[in-house]
Amino acid sequence: MKKQATLATLSIIFSATAYSTQNERPDIIVIIADDMGYSDISPFGGEIPTPNLQAMAENGVRMSQYYTSPMSAPARAMLLTGNTSQQAGMGGMWWYENTLGKEGYELRLTDRVTTMAERFKDAGYNTLMAGKWHLGFTPGSTPKDRGFRHSFALMGGGASHFDDAVPLGTVEIFHTYYTRDNQRVSLPSNFYSSEAYASQLNRWISKTPREQPIFAWLAFTAPHDPLQAPDEWVSRFKSQYEQGYAAVYRQRIARLKKLGFLRDDIPLPGLELDKEWQAMTPEQQKYMAKVMQVYAAMIANMDAQIGTVIDTLKKTGRDKNTILVFLSDNGVNPAEGFHYESEADFLEAI
């Protein structure tokens, strides 16, 4: 029977903890990618090397019929609360005339729902959050207010992945900022989102008393646009995508079928991709290859950061009793820009 993503995830987490004693309670880490496609990672036929996610998949469970909201904040609200997005107050991501002031569209987590973090905190867990929040920035809806003892959060829906933190645009400009335990903070010059989130979580895990269980919410902003990654990661994919996205599409489809995630008799879209690619100028093809190159670098870097978290679990003796859940919030985003438009002019990101 097909399950909604929230219910499936919650059932995995709580069924594993239901009959545990105080000393046996598992650590639980929920890892979220932002706007990542189904077949981007190697467990689902992707060509991007993701060895840590591959190892998790081979030693765990892969879900092939796993459903979520098509939008970021509603998906996160459902996952964290186990309720519909409207019940949680996140029925959408923007205010529209026909929803303004209506219950279910407050665009923040409301007191009508309880979060997993609140439940785990009450049960004695050390509740930790690092990464994108996007669930409200007013009193009562912040990470600390909703059950996280410690948090390092991008409060809005997206920003530059480097220390300038340029917002999505004017719609996001007033709530694109970072907080640590509800206090606004500035970013160091060597900041890169995925690395900073994982590093902060690793420090908290290392400082948590061994006898105290952990519930962690690691919400990467990668690979959400703007497409940005450290130069050394981008260079790893040089020339890899010069064949064009049509070829990548065909190769992924073939691998998905081989893995058993797609049936041979199901008609698939995208048959015109070859014509589109061939109709491009060499400069356009070069640009699109660069788009895919940076996107791949973001995902590969994210996988490496997940690896550092797994290493920390091993170093602290927690790896044998930890539940790791990995998912994308809402599926792929067609945005391809290397920059955001802000109050200033365009910022070139590469």
C-alpha atoms as a PDB file:
ATOM      1  CA  MET A   1       0.000   0.000   0.000  1.00  0.00           C
ATOM      2  CA  LYS A   2       1.351   3.419  -0.909  1.00  0.00           C
ATOM      3  CA  LYS A   3       2.165   5.661   2.053  1.00  0.00           C
ATOM      4  CA  GLN A   4       2.615   9.376   2.345  1.00  0.00           C
ATOM      5  CA  ALA A   5       6.244  10.264   3.067  1.00  0.00           C
ATOM      6  CA  THR A   6       5.570  11.605   6.537  1.00  0.00           C
ATOM      7  CA  LEU A   7       3.698   8.529   7.715  1.00  0.00           C
ATOM      8  CA  ALA A   8       6.277   6.152   6.280  1.00  0.00           C
ATOM      9  CA  THR A   9       9.174   7.953   7.931  1.00  0.00           C
ATOM     10  CA  LEU A  10       7.459   8.300  11.289  1.00  0.00           C
ATOM     11  CA  SER A  11       6.506   4.627  11.297  1.00  0.00           C
ATOM     12  CA  ILE A  12      10.139   3.646  10.710  1.00  0.00           C
ATOM     13  CA  ILE A  13      11.380   5.879  13.511  1.00  0.00           C
ATOM     14  CA  PHE A  14       8.769   5.126  16.135  1.00  0.00           C
ATOM     15  CA  SER A  15       8.447   1.400  15.464  1.00  0.00           C
ATOM     16  CA  ALA A  16      12.173   1.105  16.112  1.00  0.00           C
ATOM     17  CA  THR A  17      11.865   2.914  19.446  1.00  0.00           C
ATOM     18  CA  ALA A  18       8.528   1.637  20.717  1.00  0.00           C
ATOM     19  CA  TYR A  19       9.814  -1.337  22.704  1.00  0.00           C
ATOM     20  CA  SER A  20      13.293  -0.115  23.596  1.00  0.00           C
ATOM     21  CA  THR A  21      14.372   0.301  27.187  1.00  0.00           C
ATOM     22  CA  GLN A  22      15.932   3.502  28.511  1.00  0.00           C
ATOM     23  CA  ASN A  23      19.462   2.235  27.846  1.00  0.00           C
ATOM     24  CA  GLU A  24      18.684   0.818  24.408  1.00  0.00           C
ATOM     25  CA  ARG A  25      16.976   3.804  22.824  1.00  0.00           C
ATOM     26  CA  PRO A  26      18.519   4.459  19.410  1.00  0.00           C
ATOM     27  CA  ASP A  27      19.973   7.678  18.134  1.00  0.00           C
ATOM     28  CA  ILE A  28      17.944   9.024  15.203  1.00  0.00           C
ATOM     29  CA  ILE A  29      19.304  11.286  12.476  1.00  0.00           C
ATOM     30  CA  VAL A  30      17.015  12.609   9.733  1.00  0.00           C
ATOM     31  CA  ILE A  31      19.010  13.940   6.763  1.00  0.00           C
ATOM     32  CA  ILE A  32      17.248  16.091   4.169  1.00  0.00           C
ATOM     33  CA  ALA A  33      18.529  17.165   0.756  1.00  0.00           C
ATOM     34  CA  ASP A  34      16.992  20.297  -0.758  1.00  0.00           C
ATOM     35  CA  ASP A  35      15.420  20.042  -4.234  1.00  0.00           C
ATOM     36  CA  MET A  36      17.318  16.893  -5.168  1.00  0.00           C
ATOM     37  CA  GLY A  37      16.085  14.644  -7.960  1.00  0.00           C
ATOM     38  CA  TYR A  38      15.082  11.005  -7.546  1.00  0.00           C
ATOM     39  CA  SER A  39      17.860   9.587  -9.734  1.00  0.00           C
ATOM     40  CA  ASP A  40      20.641  11.998  -8.769  1.00  0.00           C
ATOM     41  CA  ILE A  41      22.307   9.645  -6.287  1.00  0.00           C
ATOM     42  CA  SER A  42      23.885   6.267  -6.981  1.00  0.00           C
ATOM     43  CA  PRO A  43      21.362   4.154  -4.981  1.00  0.00           C
ATOM     44  CA  PHE A  44      18.760   5.218  -7.558  1.00  0.00           C
ATOM     45  CA  GLY A  45      20.820   5.020 -10.727  1.00  0.00           C
ATOM     46  CA  GLY A  46      22.644   8.336 -10.595  1.00  0.00           C
ATOM     47  CA  GLU A  47      26.131   8.799 -12.021  1.00  0.00           C
ATOM     48  CA  ILE A  48      27.151  11.219  -9.244  1.00  0.00           C
ATOM     49  CA  PRO A  49      29.412   9.333  -6.795  1.00  0.00           C
ATOM     50  CA  THR A  50      27.655   9.117  -3.420  1.00  0.00           C
ATOM     51  CA  PRO A  51      29.457   6.271  -1.620  1.00  0.00           C
ATOM     52  CA  ASN A  52      28.084   7.054   1.830  1.00  0.00           C
ATOM     53  CA  LEU A  53      24.485   7.085   0.652  1.00  0.00           C
ATOM     54  CA  GLN A  54      25.195   3.944  -1.374  1.00  0.00           C
ATOM     55  CA  ALA A  55      26.442   2.168   1.756  1.00  0.00           C
ATOM     56  CA  MET A  56      23.375   3.314   3.693  1.00  0.00           C
ATOM     57  CA  ALA A  57      21.100   1.964   0.963  1.00  0.00           C
ATOM     58  CA  GLU A  58      22.874  -1.377   0.703  1.00  0.00           C
ATOM     59  CA  ASN A  59      22.665  -1.873   4.456  1.00  0.00           C
ATOM     60  CA  GLY A  60      19.165  -0.491   4.843  1.00  0.00           C
ATOM     61  CA  VAL A  61      15.893   0.013   2.995  1.00  0.00           C
ATOM     62  CA  ARG A  62      15.275   1.901  -0.256  1.00  0.00           C
ATOM     63  CA  MET A  63      11.776   3.297  -0.772  1.00  0.00           C
ATOM     64  CA  SER A  64      10.572   3.453  -4.355  1.00  0.00           C
ATOM     65  CA  GLN A  65       6.998   4.663  -3.716  1.00  0.00           C
ATOM     66  CA  TYR A  66       7.541   7.463  -1.251  1.00  0.00           C
ATOM     67  CA  TYR A  67       5.460  10.591  -1.593  1.00  0.00           C
ATOM     68  CA  THR A  68       5.776  14.157  -0.370  1.00  0.00           C
ATOM     69  CA  SER A  69       4.591  17.696  -1.025  1.00  0.00           C
ATOM     70  CA  PRO A  70       5.798  19.396  -4.227  1.00  0.00           C
ATOM     71  CA  MET A  71       6.936  22.380  -2.124  1.00  0.00           C
ATOM     72  CA  SER A  72       9.703  22.756   0.448  1.00  0.00           C
ATOM     73  CA  ALA A  73       8.149  24.210   3.603  1.00  0.00           C
ATOM     74  CA  PRO A  74       4.929  22.140   3.448  1.00  0.00           C
ATOM     75  CA  ALA A  75       6.994  18.952   3.015  1.00  0.00           C
ATOM     76  CA  ARG A  76       9.197  19.820   5.990  1.00  0.00           C
ATOM     77  CA  ALA A  77       6.186  20.659   8.145  1.00  0.00           C
ATOM     78  CA  MET A  78       4.541  17.319   7.370  1.00  0.00           C
ATOM     79  CA  LEU A  79       7.733  15.383   8.029  1.00  0.00           C
ATOM     80  CA  LEU A  80       8.479  17.083  11.350  1.00  0.00           C
ATOM     81  CA  THR A  81       4.923  16.928  12.717  1.00  0.00           C
ATOM     82  CA  GLY A  82       3.239  13.913  11.117  1.00  0.00           C
ATOM     83  CA  ASN A  83       0.279  16.101  10.138  1.00  0.00           C
ATOM     84  CA  THR A  84      -0.934  17.577   6.877  1.00  0.00           C
ATOM     85  CA  SER A  85       0.764  20.820   5.913  1.00  0.00           C
ATOM     86  CA  GLN A  86      -2.483  22.734   6.530  1.00  0.00           C
ATOM     87  CA  GLN A  87      -2.841  21.289  10.023  1.00  0.00           C
ATOM     88  CA  ALA A  88       0.728  22.366  10.721  1.00  0.00           C
ATOM     89  CA  GLY A  89       0.136  25.904   9.393  1.00  0.00           C
ATOM     90  CA  MET A  90       2.249  25.495   6.262  1.00  0.00           C
ATOM     91  CA  GLY A  91      -0.391  25.037   3.563  1.00  0.00           C
ATOM     92  CA  GLY A  92       1.810  26.973   1.149  1.00  0.00           C
ATOM     93  CA  MET A  93       4.969  29.047   0.962  1.00  0.00           C
ATOM     94  CA  TRP A  94       3.625  32.466   0.005  1.00  0.00           C
ATOM     95  CA  TRP A  95       0.709  34.656   0.973  1.00  0.00           C
ATOM     96  CA  TYR A  96      -2.016  34.802  -1.659  1.00  0.00           C
ATOM     97  CA  GLU A  97      -5.207  36.829  -1.583  1.00  0.00           C
ATOM     98  CA  ASN A  98      -7.391  33.728  -1.371  1.00  0.00           C
ATOM     99  CA  THR A  99      -5.437  32.231   1.571  1.00  0.00           C
ATOM    100  CA  LEU A 100      -4.372  35.346   3.499  1.00  0.00           C
ATOM    101  CA  GLY A 101      -5.476  35.076   7.119  1.00  0.00           C
ATOM    102  CA  LYS A 102      -6.981  31.620   6.715  1.00  0.00           C
ATOM    103  CA  GLU A 103      -6.290  28.786   9.129  1.00  0.00           C
ATOM    104  CA  GLY A 104      -3.736  26.396   7.708  1.00  0.00           C
ATOM    105  CA  TYR A 105      -1.902  29.129   5.796  1.00  0.00           C
ATOM    106  CA  GLU A 106      -0.171  30.949   8.647  1.00  0.00           C
ATOM    107  CA  LEU A 107       3.188  30.077   6.994  1.00  0.00           C
ATOM    108  CA  ARG A 108       4.696  29.020  10.308  1.00  0.00           C
ATOM    109  CA  LEU A 109       4.412  25.997  12.565  1.00  0.00           C
ATOM    110  CA  THR A 110       1.385  26.567  14.784  1.00  0.00           C
ATOM    111  CA  ASP A 111       0.490  25.318  18.254  1.00  0.00           C
ATOM    112  CA  ARG A 112      -2.086  23.004  16.694  1.00  0.00           C
ATOM    113  CA  VAL A 113       0.675  20.443  16.149  1.00  0.00           C
ATOM    114  CA  THR A 114       3.536  18.851  18.051  1.00  0.00           C
ATOM    115  CA  THR A 115       6.916  18.218  16.450  1.00  0.00           C
ATOM    116  CA  MET A 116       9.067  15.110  16.644  1.00  0.00           C
ATOM    117  CA  ALA A 117      11.717  17.238  18.331  1.00  0.00           C
ATOM    118  CA  GLU A 118       9.306  18.202  21.108  1.00  0.00           C
ATOM    119  CA  ARG A 119       8.348  14.577  21.689  1.00  0.00           C
ATOM    120  CA  PHE A 120      11.942  13.367  21.710  1.00  0.00           C
ATOM    121  CA  LYS A 121      13.049  16.217  23.964  1.00  0.00           C
ATOM    122  CA  ASP A 122      10.346  15.279  26.465  1.00  0.00           C
ATOM    123  CA  ALA A 123      11.665  11.701  26.316  1.00  0.00           C
ATOM    124  CA  GLY A 124      15.157  12.834  27.326  1.00  0.00           C
ATOM    125  CA  TYR A 125      16.800  13.003  23.904  1.00  0.00           C
ATOM    126  CA  ASN A 126      19.352  15.652  23.018  1.00  0.00           C
ATOM    127  CA  THR A 127      17.552  17.311  20.102  1.00  0.00           C
ATOM    128  CA  LEU A 128      19.814  18.919  17.501  1.00  0.00           C
ATOM    129  CA  MET A 129      19.064  20.843  14.314  1.00  0.00           C
ATOM    130  CA  ALA A 130      21.517  22.069  11.664  1.00  0.00           C
ATOM    131  CA  GLY A 131      20.618  23.515   8.273  1.00  0.00           C
ATOM    132  CA  LYS A 132      17.554  24.945   6.601  1.00  0.00           C
ATOM    133  CA  TRP A 133      14.544  25.655   8.821  1.00  0.00           C
ATOM    134  CA  HIS A 134      11.933  27.357   6.572  1.00  0.00           C
ATOM    135  CA  LEU A 135       9.140  26.729   9.083  1.00  0.00           C
ATOM    136  CA  GLY A 136       8.673  30.181  10.558  1.00  0.00           C
ATOM    137  CA  PHE A 137      10.754  32.858  12.223  1.00  0.00           C
ATOM    138  CA  THR A 138       8.276  34.418  14.651  1.00  0.00           C
ATOM    139  CA  PRO A 139       8.122  33.522  18.370  1.00  0.00           C
ATOM    140  CA  GLY A 140       6.667  30.062  18.815  1.00  0.00           C
ATOM    141  CA  SER A 141       7.839  28.735  15.459  1.00  0.00           C
ATOM    142  CA  THR A 142      11.646  28.814  15.697  1.00  0.00           C
ATOM    143  CA  PRO A 143      13.813  25.702  16.159  1.00  0.00           C
ATOM    144  CA  LYS A 144      14.307  26.359  19.874  1.00  0.00           C
ATOM    145  CA  ASP A 145      10.591  27.001  20.367  1.00  0.00           C
ATOM    146  CA  ARG A 146       9.709  23.756  18.568  1.00  0.00           C
ATOM    147  CA  GLY A 147      11.824  21.340  20.557  1.00  0.00           C
ATOM    148  CA  PHE A 148      15.456  21.640  19.503  1.00  0.00           C
ATOM    149  CA  ARG A 149      17.864  22.144  22.401  1.00  0.00           C
ATOM    150  CA  HIS A 150      20.544  23.304  19.989  1.00  0.00           C
ATOM    151  CA  SER A 151      20.210  24.655  16.460  1.00  0.00           C
ATOM    152  CA  PHE A 152      22.247  26.296  13.730  1.00  0.00           C
ATOM    153  CA  ALA A 153      19.667  27.383  11.197  1.00  0.00           C
ATOM    154  CA  LEU A 154      19.186  29.198   7.932  1.00  0.00           C
ATOM    155  CA  MET A 155      15.777  30.614   8.777  1.00  0.00           C
ATOM    156  CA  GLY A 156      14.544  31.299   5.241  1.00  0.00           C
ATOM    157  CA  GLY A 157      14.061  29.164   2.178  1.00  0.00           C
ATOM    158  CA  GLY A 158      17.438  29.589   0.516  1.00  0.00           C
ATOM    159  CA  ALA A 159      20.503  31.745   0.051  1.00  0.00           C
ATOM    160  CA  SER A 160      23.981  31.766  -1.382  1.00  0.00           C
ATOM    161  CA  HIS A 161      25.865  28.759  -0.031  1.00  0.00           C
ATOM    162  CA  PHE A 162      28.860  30.902   0.884  1.00  0.00           C
ATOM    163  CA  ASP A 163      29.424  33.482   3.620  1.00  0.00           C
ATOM    164  CA  ASP A 164      27.696  36.350   1.758  1.00  0.00           C
ATOM    165  CA  ALA A 165      24.312  34.575   2.241  1.00  0.00           C
ATOM    166  CA  VAL A 166      22.673  36.535  -0.587  1.00  0.00           C
ATOM    167  CA  PRO A 167      18.905  35.835  -0.341  1.00  0.00           C
ATOM    168  CA  LEU A 168      16.590  34.367  -2.957  1.00  0.00           C
ATOM    169  CA  GLY A 169      15.264  37.834  -3.762  1.00  0.00           C
ATOM    170  CA  THR A 170      13.132  40.542  -2.255  1.00  0.00           C
ATOM    171  CA  VAL A 171      10.505  38.010  -1.142  1.00  0.00           C
ATOM    172  CA  GLU A 172      13.103  36.370   1.140  1.00  0.00           C
ATOM    173  CA  ILE A 173      15.277  39.301   2.090  1.00  0.00           C
ATOM    174  CA  PHE A 174      13.830  39.913   5.566  1.00  0.00           C
ATOM    175  CA  HIS A 175      14.174  36.346   6.817  1.00  0.00           C
ATOM    176  CA  THR A 176      17.346  35.176   5.104  1.00  0.00           C
ATOM    177  CA  TYR A 177      19.654  35.016   8.092  1.00  0.00           C
ATOM    178  CA  TYR A 178      21.332  32.444  10.300  1.00  0.00           C
ATOM    179  CA  THR A 179      20.738  31.764  13.980  1.00  0.00           C
ATOM    180  CA  ARG A 180      22.482  29.652  16.582  1.00  0.00           C
ATOM    181  CA  ASP A 181      20.138  28.698  19.412  1.00  0.00           C
ATOM    182  CA  ASN A 182      17.752  31.470  18.286  1.00  0.00           C
ATOM    183  CA  GLN A 183      20.453  34.187  18.259  1.00  0.00           C
ATOM    184  CA  ARG A 184      21.408  35.769  14.932  1.00  0.00           C
ATOM    185  CA  VAL A 185      24.990  35.068  13.909  1.00  0.00           C
ATOM    186  CA  SER A 186      27.394  36.138  11.170  1.00  0.00           C
ATOM    187  CA  LEU A 187      29.222  33.607   9.009  1.00  0.00           C
ATOM    188  CA  PRO A 188      32.977  32.960   8.802  1.00  0.00           C
ATOM    189  CA  SER A 189      34.780  33.717   5.543  1.00  0.00           C
ATOM    190  CA  ASN A 190      35.373  30.006   4.817  1.00  0.00           C
ATOM    191  CA  PHE A 191      31.682  29.134   5.164  1.00  0.00           C
ATOM    192  CA  TYR A 192      30.106  26.625   2.782  1.00  0.00           C
ATOM    193  CA  SER A 193      26.637  25.467   3.739  1.00  0.00           C
ATOM    194  CA  SER A 194      26.909  21.667   3.614  1.00  0.00           C
ATOM    195  CA  GLU A 195      30.269  21.594   5.355  1.00  0.00           C
ATOM    196  CA  ALA A 196      29.172  24.036   8.059  1.00  0.00           C
ATOM    197  CA  TYR A 197      25.952  22.174   8.871  1.00  0.00           C
ATOM    198  CA  ALA A 198      27.653  18.796   9.212  1.00  0.00           C
ATOM    199  CA  SER A 199      30.568  20.238  11.173  1.00  0.00           C
ATOM    200  CA  GLN A 200      28.237  21.840  13.699  1.00  0.00           C
ATOM    201  CA  LEU A 201      26.234  18.647  14.124  1.00  0.00           C
ATOM    202  CA  ASN A 202      29.430  16.638  14.600  1.00  0.00           C
ATOM    203  CA  ARG A 203      30.512  18.941  17.430  1.00  0.00           C
ATOM    204  CA  TRP A 204      27.181  18.568  19.195  1.00  0.00           C
ATOM    205  CA  ILE A 205      27.196  14.783  18.832  1.00  0.00           C
ATOM    206  CA  SER A 206      30.724  14.617  20.238  1.00  0.00           C
ATOM    207  CA  LYS A 207      29.711  16.695  23.275  1.00  0.00           C
ATOM    208  CA  THR A 208      26.550  14.730  24.055  1.00  0.00           C
ATOM    209  CA  PRO A 209      26.964  12.349  27.022  1.00  0.00           C
ATOM    210  CA  ARG A 210      27.160   8.787  25.725  1.00  0.00           C
ATOM    211  CA  GLU A 211      24.223   7.673  27.838  1.00  0.00           C
ATOM    212  CA  GLN A 212      21.918  10.332  26.349  1.00  0.00           C
ATOM    213  CA  PRO A 213      20.220   9.440  23.035  1.00  0.00           C
ATOM    214  CA  ILE A 214      20.206  11.921  20.147  1.00  0.00           C
ATOM    215  CA  PHE A 215      17.533  13.083  17.728  1.00  0.00           C
ATOM    216  CA  ALA A 216      19.126  15.174  14.953  1.00  0.00           C
ATOM    217  CA  TRP A 217      17.612  17.049  12.009  1.00  0.00           C
ATOM    218  CA  LEU A 218      20.320  17.675   9.385  1.00  0.00           C
ATOM    219  CA  ALA A 219      18.718  19.774   6.650  1.00  0.00           C
ATOM    220  CA  PHE A 220      21.178  20.533   3.851  1.00  0.00           C
ATOM    221  CA  THR A 221      20.411  23.405   1.486  1.00  0.00           C
ATOM    222  CA  ALA A 222      22.260  21.561  -1.286  1.00  0.00           C
ATOM    223  CA  PRO A 223      21.563  21.122  -4.123  1.00  0.00           C
ATOM    224  CA  HIS A 224      19.024  24.001  -4.033  1.00  0.00           C
ATOM    225  CA  ASP A 225      19.900  26.883  -6.326  1.00  0.00           C
ATOM    226  CA  PRO A 226      22.017  28.947  -6.622  1.00  0.00           C
ATOM    227  CA  LEU A 227      24.268  26.203  -7.913  1.00  0.00           C
ATOM    228  CA  GLN A 228      27.500  26.695  -5.988  1.00  0.00           C
ATOM    229  CA  ALA A 229      30.259  24.433  -4.716  1.00  0.00           C
ATOM    230  CA  PRO A 230      33.898  24.825  -3.673  1.00  0.00           C
ATOM    231  CA  ASP A 231      36.231  24.958  -6.663  1.00  0.00           C
ATOM    232  CA  GLU A 232      38.020  21.739  -5.760  1.00  0.00           C
ATOM    233  CA  TRP A 233      34.715  19.869  -5.863  1.00  0.00           C
ATOM    234  CA  VAL A 234      33.578  21.420  -9.138  1.00  0.00           C
ATOM    235  CA  SER A 235      36.873  20.474 -10.797  1.00  0.00           C
ATOM    236  CA  ARG A 236      36.228  16.791 -10.058  1.00  0.00           C
ATOM    237  CA  PHE A 237      33.473  16.773 -12.665  1.00  0.00           C
ATOM    238  CA  LYS A 238      35.320  18.618 -15.419  1.00  0.00           C
ATOM    239  CA  SER A 239      34.266  17.372 -18.884  1.00  0.00           C
ATOM    240  CA  GLN A 240      31.929  14.753 -17.388  1.00  0.00           C
ATOM    241  CA  TYR A 241      28.766  16.325 -18.782  1.00  0.00           C
ATOM    242  CA  GLU A 242      29.925  17.446 -22.216  1.00  0.00           C
ATOM    243  CA  GLN A 243      27.853  14.617 -23.717  1.00  0.00           C
ATOM    244  CA  GLY A 244      24.737  16.569 -22.749  1.00  0.00           C
ATOM    245  CA  TYR A 245      21.751  16.025 -20.532  1.00  0.00           C
ATOM    246  CA  ALA A 246      19.964  13.794 -23.056  1.00  0.00           C
ATOM    247  CA  ALA A 247      22.699  11.179 -22.739  1.00  0.00           C
ATOM    248  CA  VAL A 248      22.665  11.465 -18.945  1.00  0.00           C
ATOM    249  CA  TYR A 249      18.894  10.971 -19.000  1.00  0.00           C
ATOM    250  CA  ARG A 250      19.109   7.794 -21.075  1.00  0.00           C
ATOM    251  CA  GLN A 251      21.859   6.350 -18.892  1.00  0.00           C
ATOM    252  CA  ARG A 252      19.923   7.025 -15.703  1.00  0.00           C
ATOM    253  CA  ILE A 253      16.758   5.479 -17.090  1.00  0.00           C
ATOM    254  CA  ALA A 254      18.693   2.357 -18.072  1.00  0.00           C
ATOM    255  CA  ARG A 255      20.177   2.045 -14.586  1.00  0.00           C
ATOM    256  CA  LEU A 256      16.800   2.599 -12.901  1.00  0.00           C
ATOM    257  CA  LYS A 257      15.351  -0.229 -14.994  1.00  0.00           C
ATOM    258  CA  LYS A 258      18.289  -2.494 -14.177  1.00  0.00           C
ATOM    259  CA  LEU A 259      17.805  -1.769 -10.467  1.00  0.00           C
ATOM    260  CA  GLY A 260      14.131  -2.610 -10.765  1.00  0.00           C
ATOM    261  CA  PHE A 261      12.741   0.846 -10.030  1.00  0.00           C
ATOM    262  CA  LEU A 262      11.229   1.321 -13.507  1.00  0.00           C
ATOM    263  CA  ARG A 263       9.339  -1.163 -15.647  1.00  0.00           C
ATOM    264  CA  ASP A 264      10.339  -1.578 -19.274  1.00  0.00           C
ATOM    265  CA  ASP A 265       6.786  -1.111 -20.530  1.00  0.00           C
ATOM    266  CA  ILE A 266       6.162   2.304 -18.939  1.00  0.00           C
ATOM    267  CA  PRO A 267       6.371   5.182 -21.467  1.00  0.00           C
ATOM    268  CA  LEU A 268       8.730   7.901 -20.334  1.00  0.00           C
ATOM    269  CA  PRO A 269       8.942  11.624 -21.096  1.00  0.00           C
ATOM    270  CA  GLY A 270      12.035  13.347 -22.395  1.00  0.00           C
ATOM    271  CA  LEU A 271      12.262  11.853 -25.872  1.00  0.00           C
ATOM    272  CA  GLU A 272      12.887  15.302 -27.389  1.00  0.00           C
ATOM    273  CA  LEU A 273      15.946  15.999 -25.244  1.00  0.00           C
ATOM    274  CA  ASP A 274      18.395  14.951 -27.963  1.00  0.00           C
ATOM    275  CA  LYS A 275      16.879  17.432 -30.417  1.00  0.00           C
ATOM    276  CA  GLU A 276      16.992  20.186 -27.805  1.00  0.00           C
ATOM    277  CA  TRP A 277      20.668  19.534 -27.073  1.00  0.00           C
ATOM    278  CA  GLN A 278      21.656  19.361 -30.732  1.00  0.00           C
ATOM    279  CA  ALA A 279      19.838  22.627 -31.437  1.00  0.00           C
ATOM    280  CA  MET A 280      21.977  24.500 -28.913  1.00  0.00           C
ATOM    281  CA  THR A 281      24.997  26.561 -29.843  1.00  0.00           C
ATOM    282  CA  PRO A 282      28.383  25.376 -28.548  1.00  0.00           C
ATOM    283  CA  GLU A 283      28.291  28.144 -25.937  1.00  0.00           C
ATOM    284  CA  GLN A 284      24.853  27.068 -24.741  1.00  0.00           C
ATOM    285  CA  GLN A 285      26.007  23.464 -24.507  1.00  0.00           C
ATOM    286  CA  LYS A 286      29.063  24.558 -22.544  1.00  0.00           C
ATOM    287  CA  TYR A 287      26.863  26.494 -20.127  1.00  0.00           C
ATOM    288  CA  MET A 288      24.500  23.561 -19.563  1.00  0.00           C
ATOM    289  CA  ALA A 289      27.435  21.204 -19.023  1.00  0.00           C
ATOM    290  CA  LYS A 290      28.686  23.629 -16.377  1.00  0.00           C
ATOM    291  CA  VAL A 291      25.260  23.644 -14.723  1.00  0.00           C
ATOM    292  CA  MET A 292      25.347  19.864 -14.412  1.00  0.00           C
ATOM    293  CA  GLN A 293      28.980  19.919 -13.291  1.00  0.00           C
ATOM    294  CA  VAL A 294      28.299  22.258 -10.360  1.00  0.00           C
ATOM    295  CA  TYR A 295      25.080  20.455  -9.450  1.00  0.00           C
ATOM    296  CA  ALA A 296      26.967  17.154  -9.276  1.00  0.00           C
ATOM    297  CA  ALA A 297      29.666  18.764  -7.145  1.00  0.00           C
ATOM    298  CA  MET A 298      27.056  19.947  -4.642  1.00  0.00           C
ATOM    299  CA  ILE A 299      25.621  16.453  -4.246  1.00  0.00           C
ATOM    300  CA  ALA A 300      29.028  14.760  -4.030  1.00  0.00           C
ATOM    301  CA  ASN A 301      30.124  17.263  -1.389  1.00  0.00           C
ATOM    302  CA  MET A 302      26.910  16.685   0.571  1.00  0.00           C
ATOM    303  CA  ASP A 303      27.540  12.939   0.528  1.00  0.00           C
ATOM    304  CA  ALA A 304      31.041  13.525   1.869  1.00  0.00           C
ATOM    305  CA  GLN A 305      29.608  15.570   4.741  1.00  0.00           C
ATOM    306  CA  ILE A 306      27.183  12.762   5.540  1.00  0.00           C
ATOM    307  CA  GLY A 307      30.280  10.587   5.718  1.00  0.00           C
ATOM    308  CA  THR A 308      31.768  12.852   8.396  1.00  0.00           C
ATOM    309  CA  VAL A 309      28.616  12.419  10.487  1.00  0.00           C
ATOM    310  CA  ILE A 310      28.851   8.636  10.151  1.00  0.00           C
ATOM    311  CA  ASP A 311      32.521   8.833  11.183  1.00  0.00           C
ATOM    312  CA  THR A 312      31.550  10.871  14.252  1.00  0.00           C
ATOM    313  CA  LEU A 313      28.952   8.259  15.201  1.00  0.00           C
ATOM    314  CA  LYS A 314      31.670   5.599  14.986  1.00  0.00           C
ATOM    315  CA  LYS A 315      34.163   7.635  17.032  1.00  0.00           C
ATOM    316  CA  THR A 316      31.590   8.193  19.771  1.00  0.00           C
ATOM    317  CA  GLY A 317      30.444   4.565  19.819  1.00  0.00           C
ATOM    318  CA  ARG A 318      26.957   5.373  18.548  1.00  0.00           C
ATOM    319  CA  ASP A 319      27.048   3.799  15.099  1.00  0.00           C
ATOM    320  CA  LYS A 320      25.678   0.394  16.157  1.00  0.00           C
ATOM    321  CA  ASN A 321      22.453   1.879  17.525  1.00  0.00           C
ATOM    322  CA  THR A 322      21.596   4.740  15.167  1.00  0.00           C
ATOM    323  CA  ILE A 323      18.726   5.045  12.701  1.00  0.00           C
ATOM    324  CA  LEU A 324      19.686   7.138   9.658  1.00  0.00           C
ATOM    325  CA  VAL A 325      16.905   8.404   7.381  1.00  0.00           C
ATOM    326  CA  PHE A 326      17.785  10.221   4.142  1.00  0.00           C
ATOM    327  CA  LEU A 327      15.329  11.916   1.781  1.00  0.00           C
ATOM    328  CA  SER A 328      14.835  14.905  -0.488  1.00  0.00           C
ATOM    329  CA  ASP A 329      12.238  17.429   0.621  1.00  0.00           C
ATOM    330  CA  ASN A 330      10.176  17.834  -2.548  1.00  0.00           C
ATOM    331  CA  GLY A 331      12.051  16.587  -5.591  1.00  0.00           C
ATOM    332  CA  VAL A 332      14.013  18.327  -8.280  1.00  0.00           C
ATOM    333  CA  ASN A 333      13.877  22.063  -8.974  1.00  0.00           C
ATOM    334  CA  PRO A 334      14.378  23.233 -12.593  1.00  0.00           C
ATOM    335  CA  ALA A 335      16.199  26.393 -11.464  1.00  0.00           C
ATOM    336  CA  GLU A 336      19.738  26.463 -12.840  1.00  0.00           C
ATOM    337  CA  GLY A 337      21.140  29.864 -11.929  1.00  0.00           C
ATOM    338  CA  PHE A 338      24.537  30.450 -10.446  1.00  0.00           C
ATOM    339  CA  HIS A 339      23.301  33.636  -8.774  1.00  0.00           C
ATOM    340  CA  TYR A 340      20.348  35.228  -7.004  1.00  0.00           C
ATOM    341  CA  GLU A 341      18.798  38.609  -7.572  1.00  0.00           C
ATOM    342  CA  SER A 342      18.894  40.681  -4.398  1.00  0.00           C
ATOM    343  CA  GLU A 343      18.695  44.349  -3.542  1.00  0.00           C
ATOM    344  CA  ALA A 344      22.064  44.665  -5.227  1.00  0.00           C
ATOM    345  CA  ASP A 345      22.827  43.632  -8.784  1.00  0.00           C
ATOM    346  CA  PHE A 346      23.386  40.014  -9.730  1.00  0.00           C
ATOM    347  CA  LEU A 347      26.086  38.202  -7.797  1.00  0.00           C
ATOM    348  CA  GLU A 348      28.178  35.911  -9.916  1.00  0.00           C
ATOM    349  CA  ALA A 349      28.767  32.766  -7.922  1.00  0.00           C
ATOM    350  CA  ILE A 350      31.354  31.014 -10.033  1.00  0.00           C
END
